[in-house]
Amino acid sequence: MQISLENKQDKYTGISYVWKMDPMTSADIAYELKGIKPDDPRWKQQEAIIMANVLVQDYFTDFYYQGKKVSFKRIPDSYHLEKDGFSLVFFFTASFMQPLPIAGSHVEIQTYDPTFYVSMTYQNKQQINLPLDIAANCQMELQEANVTDSMRAYAFSLDKSDNPEEDLALGKQFAQRVDIQCP
């Protein structure tokens, strides 16, 4: 997973995402798209289905600005699906309802599936792209989730058809946190 923070006129405006799908999901979708080109209406329909699933979960992202949760626009700026070898990669850009001043800001980002544990992780800090002016002036930290052994055991005990207890927010328990502090 990769993200790029979007900005304009010294304000955060949204996030662009690059999600490389896991082999199983890629295989399922690729089977549906076998022999279909990206400009075919059936390909576009599959892109729309994926985007609809992302929208239902509010882009799978909690974005906090100065400690308050920020809302995204309900319609993405753009989205498309590409093949990368045997994997599929989904690209999309989501804008915030309002631009957010960068100067003096503290931002926290978590991306996760709230309904189940699905790995949505950054391999390293380089997967989080900041515009040059933000990268030069702000401090960014990628924090790993602090998951207890009992929570990890519970997650691994679930069958694919099981639903975790809602109040656990299981996906959030495993989510990394991106922390950005700007002077």
C-alpha atoms as a PDB file:
ATOM      1  CA  MET A   1       0.000   0.000   0.000  1.00  0.00           C
ATOM      2  CA  GLN A   2       1.183   3.513  -0.793  1.00  0.00           C
ATOM      3  CA  ILE A   3      -0.290   6.930  -0.159  1.00  0.00           C
ATOM      4  CA  SER A   4       0.570  10.412  -1.341  1.00  0.00           C
ATOM      5  CA  LEU A   5      -0.722  13.428   0.529  1.00  0.00           C
ATOM      6  CA  GLU A   6      -2.164  15.947  -1.896  1.00  0.00           C
ATOM      7  CA  ASN A   7      -1.769  19.652  -1.261  1.00  0.00           C
ATOM      8  CA  LYS A   8      -2.497  22.978  -2.890  1.00  0.00           C
ATOM      9  CA  GLN A   9      -1.693  26.493  -1.696  1.00  0.00           C
ATOM     10  CA  ASP A  10      -0.156  25.288   1.597  1.00  0.00           C
ATOM     11  CA  LYS A  11      -3.185  23.154   2.485  1.00  0.00           C
ATOM     12  CA  TYR A  12      -3.795  19.413   2.577  1.00  0.00           C
ATOM     13  CA  THR A  13      -6.462  18.608   0.004  1.00  0.00           C
ATOM     14  CA  GLY A  14      -6.665  14.807   0.035  1.00  0.00           C
ATOM     15  CA  ILE A  15      -4.896  11.486  -0.362  1.00  0.00           C
ATOM     16  CA  SER A  16      -3.944   9.455  -3.431  1.00  0.00           C
ATOM     17  CA  TYR A  17      -3.779   5.707  -2.857  1.00  0.00           C
ATOM     18  CA  VAL A  18      -2.025   2.832  -4.617  1.00  0.00           C
ATOM     19  CA  TRP A  19      -3.250  -0.550  -3.406  1.00  0.00           C
ATOM     20  CA  LYS A  20      -1.584  -3.685  -4.698  1.00  0.00           C
ATOM     21  CA  MET A  21      -4.088  -6.445  -4.114  1.00  0.00           C
ATOM     22  CA  ASP A  22      -3.099  -9.696  -2.464  1.00  0.00           C
ATOM     23  CA  PRO A  23      -2.640 -12.745  -4.732  1.00  0.00           C
ATOM     24  CA  MET A  24      -6.007 -14.307  -3.836  1.00  0.00           C
ATOM     25  CA  THR A  25      -8.031 -11.142  -4.476  1.00  0.00           C
ATOM     26  CA  SER A  26      -6.046 -10.444  -7.651  1.00  0.00           C
ATOM     27  CA  ALA A  27      -6.732 -13.974  -8.922  1.00  0.00           C
ATOM     28  CA  ASP A  28     -10.473 -13.708  -8.225  1.00  0.00           C
ATOM     29  CA  ILE A  29     -10.832 -10.390 -10.037  1.00  0.00           C
ATOM     30  CA  ALA A  30      -8.407 -11.309 -12.847  1.00  0.00           C
ATOM     31  CA  TYR A  31     -10.517 -14.398 -13.541  1.00  0.00           C
ATOM     32  CA  GLU A  32     -13.564 -12.152 -14.004  1.00  0.00           C
ATOM     33  CA  LEU A  33     -11.547  -9.887 -16.321  1.00  0.00           C
ATOM     34  CA  LYS A  34      -9.828 -12.622 -18.345  1.00  0.00           C
ATOM     35  CA  GLY A  35      -9.302 -11.386 -21.901  1.00  0.00           C
ATOM     36  CA  ILE A  36     -10.911  -8.007 -21.168  1.00  0.00           C
ATOM     37  CA  LYS A  37      -9.024  -4.779 -21.935  1.00  0.00           C
ATOM     38  CA  PRO A  38      -9.013  -1.744 -19.591  1.00  0.00           C
ATOM     39  CA  ASP A  39     -11.140   0.316 -22.003  1.00  0.00           C
ATOM     40  CA  ASP A  40     -13.880  -2.346 -22.111  1.00  0.00           C
ATOM     41  CA  PRO A  41     -17.128  -1.465 -20.248  1.00  0.00           C
ATOM     42  CA  ARG A  42     -16.838  -4.700 -18.218  1.00  0.00           C
ATOM     43  CA  TRP A  43     -13.414  -3.573 -16.934  1.00  0.00           C
ATOM     44  CA  LYS A  44     -14.900  -0.181 -16.022  1.00  0.00           C
ATOM     45  CA  GLN A  45     -17.749  -1.958 -14.241  1.00  0.00           C
ATOM     46  CA  GLN A  46     -15.258  -3.954 -12.139  1.00  0.00           C
ATOM     47  CA  GLU A  47     -13.405  -0.730 -11.262  1.00  0.00           C
ATOM     48  CA  ALA A  48     -16.714   0.787 -10.137  1.00  0.00           C
ATOM     49  CA  ILE A  49     -17.520  -2.278  -7.997  1.00  0.00           C
ATOM     50  CA  ILE A  50     -14.144  -2.054  -6.252  1.00  0.00           C
ATOM     51  CA  MET A  51     -14.566   1.695  -5.711  1.00  0.00           C
ATOM     52  CA  ALA A  52     -18.075   1.193  -4.312  1.00  0.00           C
ATOM     53  CA  ASN A  53     -16.661  -1.260  -1.755  1.00  0.00           C
ATOM     54  CA  VAL A  54     -13.994   1.284  -0.792  1.00  0.00           C
ATOM     55  CA  LEU A  55     -16.597   4.051  -0.444  1.00  0.00           C
ATOM     56  CA  VAL A  56     -18.803   1.966   1.861  1.00  0.00           C
ATOM     57  CA  GLN A  57     -15.900   1.961   4.333  1.00  0.00           C
ATOM     58  CA  ASP A  58     -15.083   5.687   3.929  1.00  0.00           C
ATOM     59  CA  TYR A  59     -11.921   4.883   1.970  1.00  0.00           C
ATOM     60  CA  PHE A  60     -10.819   2.530   4.783  1.00  0.00           C
ATOM     61  CA  THR A  61      -9.077   5.563   6.284  1.00  0.00           C
ATOM     62  CA  ASP A  62      -9.256   7.552   9.498  1.00  0.00           C
ATOM     63  CA  PHE A  63      -7.606  10.942   8.968  1.00  0.00           C
ATOM     64  CA  TYR A  64      -7.224  13.123  12.056  1.00  0.00           C
ATOM     65  CA  TYR A  65      -6.253  16.791  11.841  1.00  0.00           C
ATOM     66  CA  GLN A  66      -5.429  18.509  15.151  1.00  0.00           C
ATOM     67  CA  GLY A  67      -7.060  15.522  16.887  1.00  0.00           C
ATOM     68  CA  LYS A  68     -10.386  15.767  15.025  1.00  0.00           C
ATOM     69  CA  LYS A  69     -11.553  13.267  12.432  1.00  0.00           C
ATOM     70  CA  VAL A  70     -11.733  14.734   8.926  1.00  0.00           C
ATOM     71  CA  SER A  71     -14.403  13.803   6.391  1.00  0.00           C
ATOM     72  CA  PHE A  72     -13.677  12.866   2.808  1.00  0.00           C
ATOM     73  CA  LYS A  73     -15.865  13.806  -0.135  1.00  0.00           C
ATOM     74  CA  ARG A  74     -18.262  10.963  -0.960  1.00  0.00           C
ATOM     75  CA  ILE A  75     -17.166  10.808  -4.597  1.00  0.00           C
ATOM     76  CA  PRO A  76     -13.485  10.126  -5.414  1.00  0.00           C
ATOM     77  CA  ASP A  77     -11.591  12.466  -7.727  1.00  0.00           C
ATOM     78  CA  SER A  78     -10.427   9.523  -9.828  1.00  0.00           C
ATOM     79  CA  TYR A  79      -9.928   5.765  -9.761  1.00  0.00           C
ATOM     80  CA  HIS A  80      -8.648   3.006 -12.028  1.00  0.00           C
ATOM     81  CA  LEU A  81      -7.417  -0.570 -11.994  1.00  0.00           C
ATOM     82  CA  GLU A  82      -4.220  -1.866 -13.609  1.00  0.00           C
ATOM     83  CA  LYS A  83      -2.539  -5.224 -14.052  1.00  0.00           C
ATOM     84  CA  ASP A  84       0.995  -5.611 -12.678  1.00  0.00           C
ATOM     85  CA  GLY A  85       2.175  -9.086 -13.616  1.00  0.00           C
ATOM     86  CA  PHE A  86      -0.125 -11.489 -11.779  1.00  0.00           C
ATOM     87  CA  SER A  87      -1.328  -8.792  -9.382  1.00  0.00           C
ATOM     88  CA  LEU A  88      -3.916  -6.077  -9.717  1.00  0.00           C
ATOM     89  CA  VAL A  89      -3.278  -2.550  -8.504  1.00  0.00           C
ATOM     90  CA  PHE A  90      -6.079  -0.122  -7.656  1.00  0.00           C
ATOM     91  CA  PHE A  91      -5.397   3.626  -7.797  1.00  0.00           C
ATOM     92  CA  PHE A  92      -7.729   6.291  -6.418  1.00  0.00           C
ATOM     93  CA  THR A  93      -7.693   9.835  -5.071  1.00  0.00           C
ATOM     94  CA  ALA A  94      -9.988  11.056  -2.296  1.00  0.00           C
ATOM     95  CA  SER A  95     -10.338  14.740  -1.415  1.00  0.00           C
ATOM     96  CA  PHE A  96     -11.215  16.174   1.967  1.00  0.00           C
ATOM     97  CA  MET A  97     -14.474  18.079   2.370  1.00  0.00           C
ATOM     98  CA  GLN A  98     -12.403  21.180   3.189  1.00  0.00           C
ATOM     99  CA  PRO A  99      -8.703  21.980   2.599  1.00  0.00           C
ATOM    100  CA  LEU A 100      -6.631  21.899   5.795  1.00  0.00           C
ATOM    101  CA  PRO A 101      -3.761  24.328   6.548  1.00  0.00           C
ATOM    102  CA  ILE A 102      -0.409  22.560   6.755  1.00  0.00           C
ATOM    103  CA  ALA A 103       1.420  25.109   8.942  1.00  0.00           C
ATOM    104  CA  GLY A 104       1.249  24.200  12.629  1.00  0.00           C
ATOM    105  CA  SER A 105      -0.640  20.992  11.930  1.00  0.00           C
ATOM    106  CA  HIS A 106      -0.618  17.559  13.496  1.00  0.00           C
ATOM    107  CA  VAL A 107      -2.002  14.763  11.300  1.00  0.00           C
ATOM    108  CA  GLU A 108      -2.639  11.105  12.103  1.00  0.00           C
ATOM    109  CA  ILE A 109      -3.638   8.569   9.451  1.00  0.00           C
ATOM    110  CA  GLN A 110      -4.790   4.978   9.887  1.00  0.00           C
ATOM    111  CA  THR A 111      -5.919   2.743   7.024  1.00  0.00           C
ATOM    112  CA  TYR A 112      -7.706  -0.495   7.873  1.00  0.00           C
ATOM    113  CA  ASP A 113     -10.767  -2.650   7.245  1.00  0.00           C
ATOM    114  CA  PRO A 114     -13.061  -2.096  10.249  1.00  0.00           C
ATOM    115  CA  THR A 115     -15.081  -5.247   9.618  1.00  0.00           C
ATOM    116  CA  PHE A 116     -12.254  -7.778   9.676  1.00  0.00           C
ATOM    117  CA  TYR A 117      -8.492  -8.044   9.817  1.00  0.00           C
ATOM    118  CA  VAL A 118      -7.074  -7.521   6.334  1.00  0.00           C
ATOM    119  CA  SER A 119      -3.437  -6.581   5.957  1.00  0.00           C
ATOM    120  CA  MET A 120      -3.293  -2.948   4.833  1.00  0.00           C
ATOM    121  CA  THR A 121       0.286  -2.034   5.619  1.00  0.00           C
ATOM    122  CA  TYR A 122       3.116   0.163   4.475  1.00  0.00           C
ATOM    123  CA  GLN A 123       6.299  -1.841   3.953  1.00  0.00           C
ATOM    124  CA  ASN A 124       8.317   1.194   5.042  1.00  0.00           C
ATOM    125  CA  LYS A 125       8.187   5.006   5.354  1.00  0.00           C
ATOM    126  CA  GLN A 126       8.990   5.381   1.653  1.00  0.00           C
ATOM    127  CA  GLN A 127       5.461   4.113   0.923  1.00  0.00           C
ATOM    128  CA  ILE A 128       4.147   7.395   2.365  1.00  0.00           C
ATOM    129  CA  ASN A 129       4.834  10.160  -0.110  1.00  0.00           C
ATOM    130  CA  LEU A 130       4.852  13.735   1.102  1.00  0.00           C
ATOM    131  CA  PRO A 131       5.172  16.739  -1.215  1.00  0.00           C
ATOM    132  CA  LEU A 132       8.729  18.114  -1.117  1.00  0.00           C
ATOM    133  CA  ASP A 133       7.853  21.230   0.880  1.00  0.00           C
ATOM    134  CA  ILE A 134       6.059  19.160   3.521  1.00  0.00           C
ATOM    135  CA  ALA A 135       8.826  16.546   3.654  1.00  0.00           C
ATOM    136  CA  ALA A 136      11.440  19.293   4.097  1.00  0.00           C
ATOM    137  CA  ASN A 137       9.626  21.064   6.941  1.00  0.00           C
ATOM    138  CA  CYS A 138       7.604  18.409   8.747  1.00  0.00           C
ATOM    139  CA  GLN A 139       8.405  15.344  10.826  1.00  0.00           C
ATOM    140  CA  MET A 140       6.819  12.057   9.787  1.00  0.00           C
ATOM    141  CA  GLU A 141       6.750   8.827  11.743  1.00  0.00           C
ATOM    142  CA  LEU A 142       5.332   5.416  10.827  1.00  0.00           C
ATOM    143  CA  GLN A 143       4.218   3.633  13.986  1.00  0.00           C
ATOM    144  CA  GLU A 144       3.526  -0.086  14.092  1.00  0.00           C
ATOM    145  CA  ALA A 145       0.422  -1.300  15.897  1.00  0.00           C
ATOM    146  CA  ASN A 146       0.926  -2.454  19.464  1.00  0.00           C
ATOM    147  CA  VAL A 147      -1.091  -5.686  19.353  1.00  0.00           C
ATOM    148  CA  THR A 148      -1.350  -7.908  22.408  1.00  0.00           C
ATOM    149  CA  ASP A 149      -0.673 -11.631  22.116  1.00  0.00           C
ATOM    150  CA  SER A 150      -4.270 -12.390  23.108  1.00  0.00           C
ATOM    151  CA  MET A 151      -5.642 -10.091  20.374  1.00  0.00           C
ATOM    152  CA  ARG A 152      -3.325 -11.652  17.797  1.00  0.00           C
ATOM    153  CA  ALA A 153      -4.438 -15.150  18.876  1.00  0.00           C
ATOM    154  CA  TYR A 154      -8.093 -14.094  18.636  1.00  0.00           C
ATOM    155  CA  ALA A 155      -7.610 -12.690  15.115  1.00  0.00           C
ATOM    156  CA  PHE A 156      -5.826 -15.828  13.926  1.00  0.00           C
ATOM    157  CA  SER A 157      -8.540 -18.040  15.428  1.00  0.00           C
ATOM    158  CA  LEU A 158     -11.252 -16.488  13.253  1.00  0.00           C
ATOM    159  CA  ASP A 159     -12.411 -18.389  10.215  1.00  0.00           C
ATOM    160  CA  LYS A 160     -12.936 -16.405   7.013  1.00  0.00           C
ATOM    161  CA  SER A 161     -16.712 -16.681   7.523  1.00  0.00           C
ATOM    162  CA  ASP A 162     -16.552 -15.514  11.171  1.00  0.00           C
ATOM    163  CA  ASN A 163     -17.345 -11.952  12.132  1.00  0.00           C
ATOM    164  CA  PRO A 164     -15.270 -10.419  14.913  1.00  0.00           C
ATOM    165  CA  GLU A 165     -17.049  -8.652  17.739  1.00  0.00           C
ATOM    166  CA  GLU A 166     -17.929  -5.149  16.498  1.00  0.00           C
ATOM    167  CA  ASP A 167     -16.749  -3.344  19.603  1.00  0.00           C
ATOM    168  CA  LEU A 168     -13.229  -4.724  19.119  1.00  0.00           C
ATOM    169  CA  ALA A 169     -12.617  -2.735  15.914  1.00  0.00           C
ATOM    170  CA  LEU A 170     -10.310  -5.606  15.003  1.00  0.00           C
ATOM    171  CA  GLY A 171      -8.797  -4.032  11.886  1.00  0.00           C
ATOM    172  CA  LYS A 172      -7.959  -0.831  13.749  1.00  0.00           C
ATOM    173  CA  GLN A 173      -6.126  -2.836  16.421  1.00  0.00           C
ATOM    174  CA  PHE A 174      -3.662  -3.989  13.728  1.00  0.00           C
ATOM    175  CA  ALA A 175      -3.434  -0.694  11.810  1.00  0.00           C
ATOM    176  CA  GLN A 176      -0.199   1.219  11.485  1.00  0.00           C
ATOM    177  CA  ARG A 177      -0.327   4.914  12.293  1.00  0.00           C
ATOM    178  CA  VAL A 178       1.211   7.671  10.199  1.00  0.00           C
ATOM    179  CA  ASP A 179       1.994  10.708  12.327  1.00  0.00           C
ATOM    180  CA  ILE A 180       2.932  14.028  10.670  1.00  0.00           C
ATOM    181  CA  GLN A 181       3.869  17.106  12.694  1.00  0.00           C
ATOM    182  CA  CYS A 182       4.447  20.446  10.930  1.00  0.00           C
ATOM    183  CA  PRO A 183       5.768  23.666  12.503  1.00  0.00           C
END
